Every structure is written in C-alpha cells, then in structure tokens.
Amino acid sequence: MSSAAVRHFFISDNSEIFRVPNTKFERLLRGSIEKKTERFAGKRVRAAKIIVKLANRKPILVLRANYCYLHFNEKGILDYDRFMKDGGIVADAGLADIFAEKVQGNLINAQQKFAKRQRDNTIWWKPSMQLERNILDASIDEFKCTRL
C-alpha cells in the first residue's frame, strides 16, 4: 500500500539542513513561540516543502519539491501575514490567461507578468545542485540532517 507525505525543511545561512516535523511547522504557522525558532529570529529563511511517496510508511520517492523563503520576526515567530501574502502572489503568478481581463485597445494586463517576476525574485529560491540533492536525500531518509 502506498500513500504520500509532506516533509518540511529549513536551510540555514551556512546551508545546514533542518527537518521540521509537520506538527512543529503547523505550530509555527499558528504563531507559537518555541525556543528553537530563536535561531531564525529576524531572518529570511530558505525552506523546502517536499512531497514523498510512501510504501509501508517508508519514503521511497520524491514526488514534488517547492523552495520558498519564510520570514521570522525578532522573536523567532513566523510572519504569517507575509506567508499568506506570498501565497497570494504565487497564486496570481500561476493564474491562467483565461482569467485575465480583456485587452482594451493597446493596453495589456501585465499583472500576472509582474506577479511572476516578484514570485521568482522574492518568494521562491533555487538551491545549488548539491544542496538540492542533500534536501531530496534527506526527504527519503538517505541524508542525515538535524531535526528542529
């Protein structure tokens, strides 16, 4: 029997990979103060959300990987409002042209183009090949990383 699971990771400034249990990530989204998040206080943190295929409750294959920045305030609390705003920009960037307003005369609607640029430059990040390999391997338990 197979199913899928989500794995969350934070990557430090020196590219150390931290596995974030789903329950802890959910608490961070709710704004819970935890001692270990102080390491990210006042920082923009690289994060990875990896979806893996499970067989007999063991990860066997990476199905999808997303890389984004998360912002923490001075107390180490995840900026939920920024997280939601960034999610809106990602959605705007991905909307199909069928939802765009009709062109009137020589005017064009560049909202999606600007949203894509903002998404690609301020919300998403791209890991180096080696860092990505380590993150993907960590998601299927083949690379040792620290748990938060």
C-alpha atoms as a PDB file:
ATOM      1  CA  MET A   1       0.000   0.000   0.000  1.00  0.00           C
ATOM      2  CA  SER A   2       1.379   3.413  -0.900  1.00  0.00           C
ATOM      3  CA  SER A   3       0.484   6.945   0.073  1.00  0.00           C
ATOM      4  CA  ALA A   4       2.145  10.363   0.185  1.00  0.00           C
ATOM      5  CA  ALA A   5       3.545  12.573   2.930  1.00  0.00           C
ATOM      6  CA  VAL A   6       4.882  16.104   3.259  1.00  0.00           C
ATOM      7  CA  ARG A   7       8.359  16.845   4.624  1.00  0.00           C
ATOM      8  CA  HIS A   8       9.402  20.360   5.682  1.00  0.00           C
ATOM      9  CA  PHE A   9      12.997  21.583   5.881  1.00  0.00           C
ATOM     10  CA  PHE A  10      14.672  24.850   6.841  1.00  0.00           C
ATOM     11  CA  ILE A  11      18.108  25.655   5.458  1.00  0.00           C
ATOM     12  CA  SER A  12      20.438  27.878   7.484  1.00  0.00           C
ATOM     13  CA  ASP A  13      22.695  30.608   6.111  1.00  0.00           C
ATOM     14  CA  ASN A  14      25.574  28.112   6.004  1.00  0.00           C
ATOM     15  CA  SER A  15      23.377  25.534   4.167  1.00  0.00           C
ATOM     16  CA  GLU A  16      22.765  23.294   7.177  1.00  0.00           C
ATOM     17  CA  ILE A  17      19.521  21.356   6.650  1.00  0.00           C
ATOM     18  CA  PHE A  18      16.970  21.112   9.471  1.00  0.00           C
ATOM     19  CA  ARG A  19      14.000  18.747   9.275  1.00  0.00           C
ATOM     20  CA  VAL A  20      10.875  20.361  10.703  1.00  0.00           C
ATOM     21  CA  PRO A  21       8.234  17.892  11.886  1.00  0.00           C
ATOM     22  CA  ASN A  22       4.799  18.643  10.462  1.00  0.00           C
ATOM     23  CA  THR A  23       3.318  19.299  13.899  1.00  0.00           C
ATOM     24  CA  LYS A  24       6.028  21.839  14.666  1.00  0.00           C
ATOM     25  CA  PHE A  25       5.567  23.500  11.263  1.00  0.00           C
ATOM     26  CA  GLU A  26       1.829  23.791  11.949  1.00  0.00           C
ATOM     27  CA  ARG A  27       2.570  25.394  15.330  1.00  0.00           C
ATOM     28  CA  LEU A  28       4.914  27.856  13.615  1.00  0.00           C
ATOM     29  CA  LEU A  29       2.128  28.788  11.202  1.00  0.00           C
ATOM     30  CA  ARG A  30      -0.147  29.429  14.177  1.00  0.00           C
ATOM     31  CA  GLY A  31       2.472  31.731  15.709  1.00  0.00           C
ATOM     32  CA  SER A  32       3.506  29.573  18.643  1.00  0.00           C
ATOM     33  CA  ILE A  33       6.698  30.682  20.357  1.00  0.00           C
ATOM     34  CA  GLU A  34       9.233  27.882  20.554  1.00  0.00           C
ATOM     35  CA  LYS A  35      12.745  28.113  21.902  1.00  0.00           C
ATOM     36  CA  LYS A  36      14.392  26.527  18.855  1.00  0.00           C
ATOM     37  CA  THR A  37      12.966  29.068  16.410  1.00  0.00           C
ATOM     38  CA  GLU A  38      15.086  31.760  18.056  1.00  0.00           C
ATOM     39  CA  ARG A  39      17.927  30.697  15.728  1.00  0.00           C
ATOM     40  CA  PHE A  40      15.849  32.190  12.879  1.00  0.00           C
ATOM     41  CA  ALA A  41      14.786  35.367  14.700  1.00  0.00           C
ATOM     42  CA  GLY A  42      14.691  38.400  12.408  1.00  0.00           C
ATOM     43  CA  LYS A  43      15.732  36.352   9.375  1.00  0.00           C
ATOM     44  CA  ARG A  44      14.519  35.346   5.971  1.00  0.00           C
ATOM     45  CA  VAL A  45      14.935  31.565   5.968  1.00  0.00           C
ATOM     46  CA  ARG A  46      15.154  29.240   2.995  1.00  0.00           C
ATOM     47  CA  ALA A  47      12.570  26.480   3.295  1.00  0.00           C
ATOM     48  CA  ALA A  48      11.739  23.355   1.335  1.00  0.00           C
ATOM     49  CA  LYS A  49       8.435  21.522   1.147  1.00  0.00           C
ATOM     50  CA  ILE A  50       8.919  18.029  -0.249  1.00  0.00           C
ATOM     51  CA  ILE A  51       6.138  15.581  -1.065  1.00  0.00           C
ATOM     52  CA  VAL A  52       7.272  11.969  -0.934  1.00  0.00           C
ATOM     53  CA  LYS A  53       5.668   8.695  -1.892  1.00  0.00           C
ATOM     54  CA  LEU A  54       5.452   6.202   0.951  1.00  0.00           C
ATOM     55  CA  ALA A  55       5.426   2.432   0.737  1.00  0.00           C
ATOM     56  CA  ASN A  56       4.721   0.645   4.007  1.00  0.00           C
ATOM     57  CA  ARG A  57       5.141   4.028   5.759  1.00  0.00           C
ATOM     58  CA  LYS A  58       8.681   4.478   4.439  1.00  0.00           C
ATOM     59  CA  PRO A  59       9.627   7.237   1.960  1.00  0.00           C
ATOM     60  CA  ILE A  60      10.699   5.778  -1.374  1.00  0.00           C
ATOM     61  CA  LEU A  61      10.374   8.563  -3.959  1.00  0.00           C
ATOM     62  CA  VAL A  62      10.250  12.346  -4.176  1.00  0.00           C
ATOM     63  CA  LEU A  63       7.091  13.422  -5.966  1.00  0.00           C
ATOM     64  CA  ARG A  64       7.447  17.206  -5.758  1.00  0.00           C
ATOM     65  CA  ALA A  65       9.763  19.836  -4.301  1.00  0.00           C
ATOM     66  CA  ASN A  66       8.984  23.506  -3.620  1.00  0.00           C
ATOM     67  CA  TYR A  67      11.515  26.020  -2.347  1.00  0.00           C
ATOM     68  CA  CYS A  68      10.435  29.303  -0.765  1.00  0.00           C
ATOM     69  CA  TYR A  69      11.549  31.900   1.729  1.00  0.00           C
ATOM     70  CA  LEU A  70       9.908  32.199   5.155  1.00  0.00           C
ATOM     71  CA  HIS A  71      10.220  35.351   7.249  1.00  0.00           C
ATOM     72  CA  PHE A  72      10.593  35.345  11.032  1.00  0.00           C
ATOM     73  CA  ASN A  73      10.195  38.338  13.335  1.00  0.00           C
ATOM     74  CA  GLU A  74      12.712  39.392  16.005  1.00  0.00           C
ATOM     75  CA  LYS A  75      11.190  36.915  18.480  1.00  0.00           C
ATOM     76  CA  GLY A  76      11.534  33.974  16.094  1.00  0.00           C
ATOM     77  CA  ILE A  77       7.836  33.832  15.223  1.00  0.00           C
ATOM     78  CA  LEU A  78       6.913  33.070  11.634  1.00  0.00           C
ATOM     79  CA  ASP A  79       5.361  36.087   9.897  1.00  0.00           C
ATOM     80  CA  TYR A  80       2.024  34.503   8.997  1.00  0.00           C
ATOM     81  CA  ASP A  81       0.695  37.607   7.226  1.00  0.00           C
ATOM     82  CA  ARG A  82       3.751  37.647   4.952  1.00  0.00           C
ATOM     83  CA  PHE A  83       3.365  33.898   4.377  1.00  0.00           C
ATOM     84  CA  MET A  84      -0.238  34.406   3.239  1.00  0.00           C
ATOM     85  CA  LYS A  85       0.641  37.452   1.105  1.00  0.00           C
ATOM     86  CA  ASP A  86       3.409  35.471  -0.624  1.00  0.00           C
ATOM     87  CA  GLY A  87       0.934  32.644  -1.248  1.00  0.00           C
ATOM     88  CA  GLY A  88      -1.387  35.119  -2.942  1.00  0.00           C
ATOM     89  CA  ILE A  89       1.410  36.334  -5.203  1.00  0.00           C
ATOM     90  CA  VAL A  90       2.264  32.744  -6.155  1.00  0.00           C
ATOM     91  CA  ALA A  91      -1.406  32.161  -6.987  1.00  0.00           C
ATOM     92  CA  ASP A  92      -1.588  35.376  -9.044  1.00  0.00           C
ATOM     93  CA  ALA A  93       1.536  34.354 -10.953  1.00  0.00           C
ATOM     94  CA  GLY A  94       0.047  30.975 -11.784  1.00  0.00           C
ATOM     95  CA  LEU A  95      -3.399  32.066 -12.912  1.00  0.00           C
ATOM     96  CA  ALA A  96      -4.176  31.152 -16.475  1.00  0.00           C
ATOM     97  CA  ASP A  97      -4.641  33.895 -19.037  1.00  0.00           C
ATOM     98  CA  ILE A  98      -8.323  32.990 -19.276  1.00  0.00           C
ATOM     99  CA  PHE A  99      -8.863  34.863 -16.007  1.00  0.00           C
ATOM    100  CA  ALA A 100      -7.070  37.980 -17.248  1.00  0.00           C
ATOM    101  CA  GLU A 101      -9.125  40.987 -18.253  1.00  0.00           C
ATOM    102  CA  LYS A 102      -9.773  41.509 -21.935  1.00  0.00           C
ATOM    103  CA  VAL A 103      -7.296  43.725 -23.767  1.00  0.00           C
ATOM    104  CA  GLN A 104      -8.709  47.167 -24.431  1.00  0.00           C
ATOM    105  CA  GLY A 105      -7.067  48.960 -27.337  1.00  0.00           C
ATOM    106  CA  ASN A 106      -3.292  48.936 -26.981  1.00  0.00           C
ATOM    107  CA  LEU A 107      -3.356  48.303 -23.206  1.00  0.00           C
ATOM    108  CA  ILE A 108      -2.245  44.953 -21.822  1.00  0.00           C
ATOM    109  CA  ASN A 109      -2.771  43.434 -18.392  1.00  0.00           C
ATOM    110  CA  ALA A 110       0.710  42.768 -17.026  1.00  0.00           C
ATOM    111  CA  GLN A 111      -0.401  41.844 -13.510  1.00  0.00           C
ATOM    112  CA  GLN A 112       0.443  38.150 -13.995  1.00  0.00           C
ATOM    113  CA  LYS A 113       3.833  39.016 -15.503  1.00  0.00           C
ATOM    114  CA  PHE A 114       4.702  41.251 -12.538  1.00  0.00           C
ATOM    115  CA  ALA A 115       3.470  38.631 -10.066  1.00  0.00           C
ATOM    116  CA  LYS A 116       5.703  36.005 -11.735  1.00  0.00           C
ATOM    117  CA  ARG A 117       8.699  38.323 -11.507  1.00  0.00           C
ATOM    118  CA  GLN A 118       8.019  39.052  -7.845  1.00  0.00           C
ATOM    119  CA  ARG A 119       7.485  35.338  -7.103  1.00  0.00           C
ATOM    120  CA  ASP A 120      10.701  34.315  -8.838  1.00  0.00           C
ATOM    121  CA  ASN A 121      12.807  37.046  -7.211  1.00  0.00           C
ATOM    122  CA  THR A 122      11.466  37.348  -3.658  1.00  0.00           C
ATOM    123  CA  ILE A 123       9.371  34.296  -2.756  1.00  0.00           C
ATOM    124  CA  TRP A 124      10.984  31.290  -4.395  1.00  0.00           C
ATOM    125  CA  TRP A 125      14.642  30.313  -4.348  1.00  0.00           C
ATOM    126  CA  LYS A 126      16.665  27.738  -6.270  1.00  0.00           C
ATOM    127  CA  PRO A 127      19.149  25.532  -4.436  1.00  0.00           C
ATOM    128  CA  SER A 128      22.514  24.549  -5.826  1.00  0.00           C
ATOM    129  CA  MET A 129      22.644  21.054  -7.304  1.00  0.00           C
ATOM    130  CA  GLN A 130      24.453  19.641  -4.260  1.00  0.00           C
ATOM    131  CA  LEU A 131      22.136  21.312  -1.731  1.00  0.00           C
ATOM    132  CA  GLU A 132      19.080  20.097  -3.629  1.00  0.00           C
ATOM    133  CA  ARG A 133      20.490  16.556  -3.732  1.00  0.00           C
ATOM    134  CA  ASN A 134      21.031  16.683   0.047  1.00  0.00           C
ATOM    135  CA  ILE A 135      17.497  18.004   0.684  1.00  0.00           C
ATOM    136  CA  LEU A 136      15.906  15.382  -1.557  1.00  0.00           C
ATOM    137  CA  ASP A 137      18.011  12.628   0.009  1.00  0.00           C
ATOM    138  CA  ALA A 138      17.048  13.869   3.488  1.00  0.00           C
ATOM    139  CA  SER A 139      13.381  13.692   2.490  1.00  0.00           C
ATOM    140  CA  ILE A 140      13.707   9.957   1.798  1.00  0.00           C
ATOM    141  CA  ASP A 141      15.910   9.383   4.864  1.00  0.00           C
ATOM    142  CA  GLU A 142      19.153   8.898   2.912  1.00  0.00           C
ATOM    143  CA  PHE A 143      20.910  12.044   4.208  1.00  0.00           C
ATOM    144  CA  LYS A 144      21.351  12.801   7.894  1.00  0.00           C
ATOM    145  CA  CYS A 145      20.084  16.191   8.998  1.00  0.00           C
ATOM    146  CA  THR A 146      19.209  17.840  12.289  1.00  0.00           C
ATOM    147  CA  ARG A 147      15.590  17.842  13.487  1.00  0.00           C
ATOM    148  CA  LEU A 148      14.168  21.016  14.984  1.00  0.00           C
END
